[in-house]
């Protein structure tokens, strides 16, 4: 597996490289310290997985994720951040990320998260799951308040 690590903190990149390089068959092919460099590295090195920090100087990780996905790069993006902010999770999903985990996860869980997104599955850290369910599983009346009562009935029947 080919991996790109994107984080503005060189020490964090070094730690992630040490963890991920310890797995047989995994190769960290590039590192980047900001969103613009991440896009260039993703298009040049064509990694299988991109570990993407959210908050970085210049172009942030969410905007970089969107551009990497829009450019047609086949890499799966795993957003890795210290910030447990629901809006970051929603924006990461809208941007095309395959997963979202916190930097405080143990190394074994990080390795498993990379495996999961590389296999084509999606992953959210557990405390975000409830917020995502509540946000996207709203009743039709709240999700689409402009529908008439009859339109809401039809929508319920279709669902």
N, C-alpha and C. Protein backbone atom coordinates (compact mmCIF):
# COMPACT_ATOMS: atom_id res chain seq x y z
N UNK A 1 0.84 -1.18 0.00
CA UNK A 1 0.00 0.00 0.00
C UNK A 1 0.88 1.24 0.00
N UNK A 2 0.49 2.21 -0.80
CA UNK A 2 1.22 3.46 -0.93
C UNK A 2 0.46 4.54 -0.16
N UNK A 3 1.18 5.25 0.72
CA UNK A 3 0.55 6.20 1.63
C UNK A 3 1.19 7.58 1.52
N UNK A 4 0.35 8.62 1.55
CA UNK A 4 0.78 10.01 1.61
C UNK A 4 0.34 10.56 2.97
N UNK A 5 1.27 11.17 3.69
CA UNK A 5 0.98 11.76 5.00
C UNK A 5 0.97 13.28 4.84
N UNK A 6 -0.13 13.91 5.28
CA UNK A 6 -0.26 15.37 5.18
C UNK A 6 -0.54 15.93 6.57
N UNK A 7 0.41 16.70 7.09
CA UNK A 7 0.26 17.35 8.39
C UNK A 7 1.26 18.49 8.44
N UNK A 8 0.87 19.61 9.04
CA UNK A 8 1.78 20.76 9.10
C UNK A 8 2.85 20.61 10.17
N UNK A 9 2.73 19.61 11.03
CA UNK A 9 3.70 19.39 12.10
C UNK A 9 4.69 18.28 11.69
N UNK A 10 5.97 18.65 11.48
CA UNK A 10 6.96 17.65 11.05
C UNK A 10 7.10 16.49 12.03
N UNK A 11 6.96 16.76 13.31
CA UNK A 11 7.08 15.70 14.31
C UNK A 11 5.93 14.69 14.18
N UNK A 12 4.74 15.19 13.93
CA UNK A 12 3.58 14.30 13.72
C UNK A 12 3.80 13.46 12.47
N UNK A 13 4.27 14.08 11.39
CA UNK A 13 4.54 13.33 10.15
C UNK A 13 5.57 12.23 10.41
N UNK A 14 6.60 12.56 11.18
CA UNK A 14 7.64 11.57 11.48
C UNK A 14 7.06 10.40 12.28
N UNK A 15 6.21 10.69 13.26
CA UNK A 15 5.59 9.63 14.05
C UNK A 15 4.67 8.76 13.22
N UNK A 16 3.86 9.40 12.38
CA UNK A 16 2.97 8.64 11.51
C UNK A 16 3.75 7.76 10.54
N UNK A 17 4.84 8.31 10.00
CA UNK A 17 5.68 7.53 9.09
C UNK A 17 6.23 6.30 9.81
N UNK A 18 6.70 6.47 11.03
CA UNK A 18 7.26 5.35 11.79
C UNK A 18 6.21 4.26 12.02
N UNK A 19 4.99 4.68 12.39
CA UNK A 19 3.92 3.72 12.64
C UNK A 19 3.53 2.98 11.36
N UNK A 20 3.28 3.72 10.30
CA UNK A 20 2.77 3.12 9.08
C UNK A 20 3.83 2.32 8.32
N UNK A 21 5.07 2.76 8.39
CA UNK A 21 6.15 2.04 7.71
C UNK A 21 6.48 0.72 8.40
N UNK A 22 5.99 0.55 9.63
CA UNK A 22 6.26 -0.70 10.34
C UNK A 22 5.40 -1.86 9.83
N UNK A 23 4.42 -1.57 9.01
CA UNK A 23 3.54 -2.60 8.48
C UNK A 23 4.13 -3.14 7.18
N UNK A 24 4.30 -4.46 7.12
CA UNK A 24 4.85 -5.08 5.91
C UNK A 24 4.01 -4.75 4.69
N UNK A 25 4.66 -4.33 3.64
CA UNK A 25 3.98 -4.03 2.39
C UNK A 25 3.44 -2.61 2.30
N UNK A 26 3.60 -1.82 3.35
CA UNK A 26 3.15 -0.43 3.33
C UNK A 26 4.35 0.48 3.10
N UNK A 27 4.17 1.48 2.26
CA UNK A 27 5.25 2.40 1.92
C UNK A 27 4.73 3.84 1.96
N UNK A 28 5.33 4.66 2.80
CA UNK A 28 4.99 6.09 2.81
C UNK A 28 5.75 6.71 1.64
N UNK A 29 5.01 7.04 0.58
CA UNK A 29 5.64 7.50 -0.65
C UNK A 29 5.91 8.99 -0.67
N UNK A 30 5.22 9.75 0.20
CA UNK A 30 5.43 11.19 0.23
C UNK A 30 4.82 11.78 1.50
N UNK A 31 5.27 12.99 1.82
CA UNK A 31 4.73 13.77 2.92
C UNK A 31 4.49 15.17 2.42
N UNK A 32 3.53 15.86 3.04
CA UNK A 32 3.26 17.25 2.70
C UNK A 32 2.89 18.00 3.96
N UNK A 33 3.21 19.29 3.99
CA UNK A 33 2.95 20.11 5.17
C UNK A 33 1.79 21.08 5.03
N UNK A 34 1.14 21.09 3.86
CA UNK A 34 -0.02 21.95 3.67
C UNK A 34 -0.88 21.38 2.54
N UNK A 35 -2.06 21.97 2.35
CA UNK A 35 -3.00 21.45 1.38
C UNK A 35 -2.52 21.50 -0.06
N UNK A 36 -1.89 22.60 -0.45
CA UNK A 36 -1.40 22.72 -1.83
C UNK A 36 -0.36 21.65 -2.12
N UNK A 37 0.58 21.46 -1.19
CA UNK A 37 1.61 20.42 -1.38
C UNK A 37 0.98 19.03 -1.40
N UNK A 38 -0.10 18.85 -0.63
CA UNK A 38 -0.79 17.55 -0.61
C UNK A 38 -1.37 17.22 -1.97
N UNK A 39 -1.99 18.21 -2.61
CA UNK A 39 -2.59 17.99 -3.93
C UNK A 39 -1.51 17.58 -4.93
N UNK A 40 -0.41 18.33 -4.93
CA UNK A 40 0.69 18.01 -5.84
C UNK A 40 1.25 16.62 -5.58
N UNK A 41 1.44 16.27 -4.31
CA UNK A 41 2.00 14.95 -3.97
C UNK A 41 1.03 13.84 -4.35
N UNK A 42 -0.27 14.06 -4.14
CA UNK A 42 -1.27 13.04 -4.48
C UNK A 42 -1.29 12.79 -5.98
N UNK A 43 -1.21 13.85 -6.77
CA UNK A 43 -1.25 13.69 -8.22
C UNK A 43 0.06 13.12 -8.77
N UNK A 44 1.17 13.42 -8.12
CA UNK A 44 2.47 12.92 -8.57
C UNK A 44 2.69 11.47 -8.15
N UNK A 45 2.41 11.15 -6.91
CA UNK A 45 2.76 9.83 -6.35
C UNK A 45 1.63 8.81 -6.41
N UNK A 46 0.41 9.25 -6.65
CA UNK A 46 -0.76 8.37 -6.76
C UNK A 46 -0.84 7.35 -5.62
N UNK A 47 -0.94 7.85 -4.36
CA UNK A 47 -1.02 6.93 -3.23
C UNK A 47 -2.37 6.20 -3.21
N UNK A 48 -2.40 5.12 -2.45
CA UNK A 48 -3.67 4.41 -2.23
C UNK A 48 -4.47 5.10 -1.14
N UNK A 49 -3.77 5.62 -0.12
CA UNK A 49 -4.40 6.28 1.01
C UNK A 49 -3.67 7.58 1.31
N UNK A 50 -4.44 8.63 1.62
CA UNK A 50 -3.89 9.90 2.08
C UNK A 50 -4.36 10.12 3.51
N UNK A 51 -3.42 10.27 4.44
CA UNK A 51 -3.76 10.68 5.81
C UNK A 51 -3.72 12.19 5.82
N UNK A 52 -4.86 12.83 6.07
CA UNK A 52 -4.99 14.28 5.89
C UNK A 52 -5.34 14.98 7.20
N UNK A 53 -4.49 15.90 7.61
CA UNK A 53 -4.80 16.77 8.75
C UNK A 53 -5.84 17.79 8.30
N UNK A 54 -6.61 18.33 9.24
CA UNK A 54 -7.65 19.30 8.90
C UNK A 54 -7.09 20.72 8.89
N UNK A 55 -6.55 21.15 10.00
CA UNK A 55 -6.13 22.54 10.14
C UNK A 55 -4.65 22.69 9.80
N UNK A 56 -4.41 23.40 8.70
CA UNK A 56 -3.04 23.66 8.25
C UNK A 56 -3.01 25.07 7.67
N UNK A 57 -1.83 25.66 7.62
CA UNK A 57 -1.74 27.00 7.02
C UNK A 57 -2.04 26.93 5.52
N UNK A 58 -2.54 28.03 4.99
CA UNK A 58 -2.87 28.05 3.56
C UNK A 58 -4.14 27.25 3.32
N UNK A 59 -4.08 26.37 2.37
CA UNK A 59 -5.22 25.52 2.03
C UNK A 59 -5.38 24.44 3.09
N UNK A 60 -6.55 24.39 3.73
CA UNK A 60 -6.75 23.41 4.79
C UNK A 60 -6.99 22.00 4.23
N UNK A 61 -7.01 21.03 5.12
CA UNK A 61 -7.12 19.64 4.70
C UNK A 61 -8.45 19.27 4.07
N UNK A 62 -9.53 19.95 4.46
CA UNK A 62 -10.83 19.64 3.88
C UNK A 62 -10.92 20.14 2.44
N UNK A 63 -10.41 21.34 2.21
CA UNK A 63 -10.39 21.86 0.84
C UNK A 63 -9.44 21.04 -0.03
N UNK A 64 -8.31 20.63 0.54
CA UNK A 64 -7.37 19.79 -0.21
C UNK A 64 -7.99 18.44 -0.54
N UNK A 65 -8.74 17.88 0.39
CA UNK A 65 -9.43 16.61 0.14
C UNK A 65 -10.38 16.75 -1.04
N UNK A 66 -11.16 17.81 -1.03
CA UNK A 66 -12.11 18.05 -2.12
C UNK A 66 -11.39 18.13 -3.46
N UNK A 67 -10.28 18.85 -3.50
CA UNK A 67 -9.55 19.01 -4.76
C UNK A 67 -8.91 17.70 -5.21
N UNK A 68 -8.38 16.92 -4.27
CA UNK A 68 -7.78 15.63 -4.62
C UNK A 68 -8.84 14.72 -5.23
N UNK A 69 -10.01 14.68 -4.61
CA UNK A 69 -11.10 13.85 -5.12
C UNK A 69 -11.57 14.37 -6.48
N UNK A 70 -11.73 15.70 -6.60
CA UNK A 70 -12.20 16.29 -7.85
C UNK A 70 -11.21 16.12 -9.00
N UNK A 71 -9.93 16.03 -8.68
CA UNK A 71 -8.90 15.87 -9.72
C UNK A 71 -8.86 14.43 -10.26
N UNK A 72 -9.65 13.56 -9.66
CA UNK A 72 -9.71 12.19 -10.16
C UNK A 72 -8.67 11.25 -9.57
N UNK A 73 -8.01 11.67 -8.51
CA UNK A 73 -7.05 10.80 -7.84
C UNK A 73 -7.83 9.67 -7.16
N UNK A 74 -7.39 8.45 -7.34
CA UNK A 74 -8.10 7.30 -6.78
C UNK A 74 -7.81 7.06 -5.30
N UNK A 75 -6.99 7.88 -4.70
CA UNK A 75 -6.62 7.69 -3.29
C UNK A 75 -7.84 7.83 -2.39
N UNK A 76 -7.87 7.03 -1.34
CA UNK A 76 -8.88 7.15 -0.30
C UNK A 76 -8.30 8.11 0.74
N UNK A 77 -9.08 9.09 1.16
CA UNK A 77 -8.60 10.08 2.13
C UNK A 77 -9.14 9.74 3.51
N UNK A 78 -8.21 9.60 4.46
CA UNK A 78 -8.55 9.39 5.86
C UNK A 78 -8.16 10.66 6.60
N UNK A 79 -9.15 11.39 7.06
CA UNK A 79 -8.91 12.64 7.79
C UNK A 79 -8.50 12.28 9.21
N UNK A 80 -7.40 12.85 9.63
CA UNK A 80 -6.81 12.56 10.94
C UNK A 80 -6.59 13.90 11.64
N UNK A 81 -7.29 14.13 12.76
CA UNK A 81 -7.22 15.44 13.39
C UNK A 81 -7.30 15.35 14.90
N UNK A 82 -6.90 16.42 15.56
CA UNK A 82 -7.03 16.50 17.02
C UNK A 82 -8.37 17.10 17.40
N UNK A 83 -9.08 17.65 16.43
CA UNK A 83 -10.30 18.41 16.71
C UNK A 83 -11.55 17.56 16.55
N UNK A 84 -12.26 17.38 17.66
CA UNK A 84 -13.50 16.61 17.67
C UNK A 84 -14.67 17.56 17.44
N UNK A 85 -14.77 18.05 16.21
CA UNK A 85 -15.78 19.03 15.84
C UNK A 85 -16.69 18.40 14.79
N UNK A 86 -17.99 18.30 15.11
CA UNK A 86 -18.93 17.65 14.20
C UNK A 86 -18.92 18.28 12.82
N UNK A 87 -18.79 19.60 12.75
CA UNK A 87 -18.82 20.26 11.45
C UNK A 87 -17.65 19.80 10.57
N UNK A 88 -16.50 19.51 11.19
CA UNK A 88 -15.38 18.97 10.42
C UNK A 88 -15.73 17.61 9.83
N UNK A 89 -16.43 16.80 10.61
CA UNK A 89 -16.83 15.48 10.12
C UNK A 89 -17.76 15.63 8.92
N UNK A 90 -18.77 16.49 9.05
CA UNK A 90 -19.72 16.68 7.95
C UNK A 90 -19.02 17.22 6.71
N UNK A 91 -18.14 18.19 6.90
CA UNK A 91 -17.44 18.77 5.75
C UNK A 91 -16.49 17.75 5.12
N UNK A 92 -15.84 16.93 5.94
CA UNK A 92 -14.97 15.87 5.40
C UNK A 92 -15.78 14.92 4.53
N UNK A 93 -16.97 14.55 4.99
CA UNK A 93 -17.82 13.66 4.22
C UNK A 93 -18.24 14.32 2.91
N UNK A 94 -18.64 15.59 2.99
CA UNK A 94 -19.03 16.32 1.78
C UNK A 94 -17.86 16.47 0.81
N UNK A 95 -16.66 16.52 1.34
CA UNK A 95 -15.47 16.70 0.51
C UNK A 95 -14.99 15.42 -0.16
N UNK A 96 -15.55 14.28 0.26
CA UNK A 96 -15.19 13.01 -0.36
C UNK A 96 -14.25 12.15 0.45
N UNK A 97 -14.01 12.51 1.70
CA UNK A 97 -13.14 11.68 2.55
C UNK A 97 -13.81 10.33 2.80
N UNK A 98 -12.99 9.31 2.97
CA UNK A 98 -13.49 7.96 3.25
C UNK A 98 -13.56 7.66 4.73
N UNK A 99 -12.87 8.46 5.54
CA UNK A 99 -12.88 8.22 6.97
C UNK A 99 -12.44 9.43 7.74
N UNK A 100 -12.71 9.39 9.04
CA UNK A 100 -12.39 10.50 9.93
C UNK A 100 -12.06 9.91 11.29
N UNK A 101 -10.81 10.08 11.73
CA UNK A 101 -10.40 9.58 13.04
C UNK A 101 -9.61 10.66 13.78
N UNK A 102 -9.54 10.51 15.08
CA UNK A 102 -8.80 11.45 15.91
C UNK A 102 -7.35 11.01 16.07
N UNK A 103 -6.46 11.97 16.20
CA UNK A 103 -5.04 11.67 16.36
C UNK A 103 -4.73 10.92 17.65
N UNK A 104 -5.65 10.94 18.59
CA UNK A 104 -5.39 10.26 19.85
C UNK A 104 -5.63 8.74 19.79
N UNK A 105 -6.02 8.20 18.61
CA UNK A 105 -6.23 6.76 18.53
C UNK A 105 -4.91 6.03 18.73
N UNK A 106 -4.94 4.85 19.33
CA UNK A 106 -3.71 4.06 19.48
C UNK A 106 -3.19 3.65 18.09
N UNK A 107 -1.89 3.42 17.98
CA UNK A 107 -1.32 3.03 16.68
C UNK A 107 -2.02 1.84 16.02
N UNK A 108 -2.41 0.85 16.81
CA UNK A 108 -3.08 -0.32 16.21
C UNK A 108 -4.42 0.07 15.56
N UNK A 109 -5.14 1.01 16.19
CA UNK A 109 -6.41 1.46 15.62
C UNK A 109 -6.18 2.32 14.38
N UNK A 110 -5.11 3.09 14.36
CA UNK A 110 -4.79 3.88 13.18
C UNK A 110 -4.48 2.95 12.01
N UNK A 111 -3.69 1.93 12.26
CA UNK A 111 -3.35 0.96 11.21
C UNK A 111 -4.63 0.30 10.69
N UNK A 112 -5.52 -0.07 11.59
CA UNK A 112 -6.78 -0.70 11.17
C UNK A 112 -7.64 0.29 10.38
N UNK A 113 -7.64 1.57 10.78
CA UNK A 113 -8.40 2.58 10.05
C UNK A 113 -7.88 2.72 8.62
N UNK A 114 -6.57 2.71 8.46
CA UNK A 114 -5.98 2.80 7.11
C UNK A 114 -6.39 1.58 6.30
N UNK A 115 -6.34 0.40 6.91
CA UNK A 115 -6.77 -0.82 6.20
C UNK A 115 -8.22 -0.73 5.76
N UNK A 116 -9.07 -0.24 6.64
CA UNK A 116 -10.50 -0.14 6.34
C UNK A 116 -10.76 0.77 5.15
N UNK A 117 -10.20 1.98 5.17
CA UNK A 117 -10.47 2.90 4.05
C UNK A 117 -9.79 2.42 2.77
N UNK A 118 -8.63 1.79 2.88
CA UNK A 118 -7.95 1.27 1.69
C UNK A 118 -8.78 0.19 1.01
N UNK A 119 -9.56 -0.54 1.81
CA UNK A 119 -10.37 -1.62 1.24
C UNK A 119 -11.66 -1.10 0.59
N UNK A 120 -11.88 0.21 0.67
CA UNK A 120 -13.05 0.79 0.05
C UNK A 120 -14.20 1.05 1.01
N UNK A 121 -14.00 0.75 2.27
CA UNK A 121 -15.04 0.99 3.27
C UNK A 121 -14.89 2.40 3.84
N UNK A 122 -15.86 2.83 4.62
CA UNK A 122 -15.83 4.13 5.28
C UNK A 122 -15.69 3.95 6.78
N UNK A 123 -15.18 4.98 7.45
CA UNK A 123 -14.93 4.88 8.88
C UNK A 123 -15.11 6.23 9.54
N UNK A 124 -15.82 6.24 10.68
CA UNK A 124 -15.93 7.41 11.54
C UNK A 124 -15.55 7.01 12.95
N UNK A 125 -14.90 7.91 13.67
CA UNK A 125 -14.61 7.59 15.06
C UNK A 125 -15.94 7.52 15.81
N UNK A 126 -16.05 6.65 16.80
CA UNK A 126 -17.34 6.34 17.43
C UNK A 126 -18.14 7.53 17.93
N UNK A 127 -17.52 8.52 18.54
CA UNK A 127 -18.30 9.62 19.09
C UNK A 127 -18.94 10.49 18.02
N UNK A 128 -18.48 10.40 16.77
CA UNK A 128 -19.09 11.17 15.68
C UNK A 128 -20.28 10.45 15.07
N UNK A 129 -20.37 9.17 15.26
CA UNK A 129 -21.42 8.39 14.62
C UNK A 129 -22.81 8.90 15.01
N UNK A 130 -23.04 9.18 16.28
CA UNK A 130 -24.34 9.65 16.74
C UNK A 130 -24.70 10.98 16.07
N UNK A 131 -23.75 11.90 15.99
CA UNK A 131 -24.03 13.20 15.38
C UNK A 131 -24.37 13.04 13.90
N UNK A 132 -23.68 12.16 13.21
CA UNK A 132 -23.95 11.93 11.79
C UNK A 132 -25.34 11.32 11.61
N UNK A 133 -25.68 10.35 12.43
CA UNK A 133 -27.00 9.72 12.34
C UNK A 133 -28.09 10.76 12.58
N UNK A 134 -27.93 11.57 13.62
CA UNK A 134 -28.94 12.59 13.92
C UNK A 134 -29.06 13.62 12.79
N UNK A 135 -27.94 13.94 12.18
CA UNK A 135 -27.95 14.97 11.12
C UNK A 135 -28.61 14.47 9.86
N UNK A 136 -28.32 13.22 9.48
CA UNK A 136 -28.78 12.71 8.20
C UNK A 136 -30.04 11.86 8.27
N UNK A 137 -30.46 11.50 9.45
CA UNK A 137 -31.65 10.66 9.59
C UNK A 137 -32.81 11.46 10.18
N UNK A 138 -32.95 12.69 9.74
CA UNK A 138 -34.03 13.52 10.25
C UNK A 138 -35.33 13.17 9.54
N UNK A 139 -36.46 13.32 10.21
CA UNK A 139 -37.74 13.08 9.55
C UNK A 139 -37.92 14.03 8.36
N UNK A 140 -38.68 13.60 7.40
CA UNK A 140 -38.89 14.39 6.18
C UNK A 140 -39.45 15.77 6.50
N UNK A 141 -40.28 15.88 7.52
CA UNK A 141 -40.88 17.16 7.86
C UNK A 141 -39.83 18.19 8.22
N UNK A 142 -38.77 17.76 8.94
CA UNK A 142 -37.71 18.70 9.31
C UNK A 142 -36.71 18.87 8.20
N UNK A 143 -36.45 17.81 7.45
CA UNK A 143 -35.44 17.87 6.39
C UNK A 143 -35.93 18.70 5.21
N UNK A 144 -37.24 18.66 4.94
CA UNK A 144 -37.81 19.39 3.80
C UNK A 144 -39.09 20.10 4.24
N UNK A 145 -38.95 21.17 5.00
CA UNK A 145 -40.14 21.83 5.56
C UNK A 145 -41.04 22.47 4.52
N UNK A 146 -40.56 22.68 3.29
CA UNK A 146 -41.36 23.35 2.27
C UNK A 146 -42.33 22.42 1.55
N UNK A 147 -42.29 21.14 1.85
CA UNK A 147 -43.20 20.20 1.20
C UNK A 147 -44.60 20.34 1.78
N UNK A 148 -45.58 20.18 0.91
CA UNK A 148 -46.96 20.17 1.40
C UNK A 148 -47.19 18.89 2.17
N UNK A 149 -48.31 18.85 2.89
CA UNK A 149 -48.64 17.64 3.66
C UNK A 149 -48.77 16.44 2.72
N UNK A 150 -49.39 16.63 1.58
CA UNK A 150 -49.57 15.54 0.61
C UNK A 150 -48.21 15.09 0.06
N UNK A 151 -47.33 16.04 -0.26
CA UNK A 151 -46.00 15.68 -0.75
C UNK A 151 -45.22 14.90 0.31
N UNK A 152 -45.38 15.28 1.57
CA UNK A 152 -44.73 14.53 2.65
C UNK A 152 -45.28 13.11 2.73
N UNK A 153 -46.61 12.94 2.55
CA UNK A 153 -47.21 11.61 2.55
C UNK A 153 -46.63 10.75 1.42
N UNK A 154 -46.52 11.34 0.24
CA UNK A 154 -45.96 10.61 -0.91
C UNK A 154 -44.51 10.23 -0.63
N UNK A 155 -43.74 11.15 -0.07
CA UNK A 155 -42.35 10.86 0.24
C UNK A 155 -42.24 9.72 1.25
N UNK A 156 -43.07 9.74 2.28
CA UNK A 156 -43.07 8.66 3.28
C UNK A 156 -43.39 7.32 2.62
N UNK A 157 -44.38 7.31 1.72
CA UNK A 157 -44.76 6.07 1.03
C UNK A 157 -43.63 5.56 0.13
N UNK A 158 -42.95 6.47 -0.54
CA UNK A 158 -41.81 6.08 -1.36
C UNK A 158 -40.68 5.51 -0.52
N UNK A 159 -40.45 6.12 0.63
CA UNK A 159 -39.38 5.65 1.51
C UNK A 159 -39.72 4.27 2.06
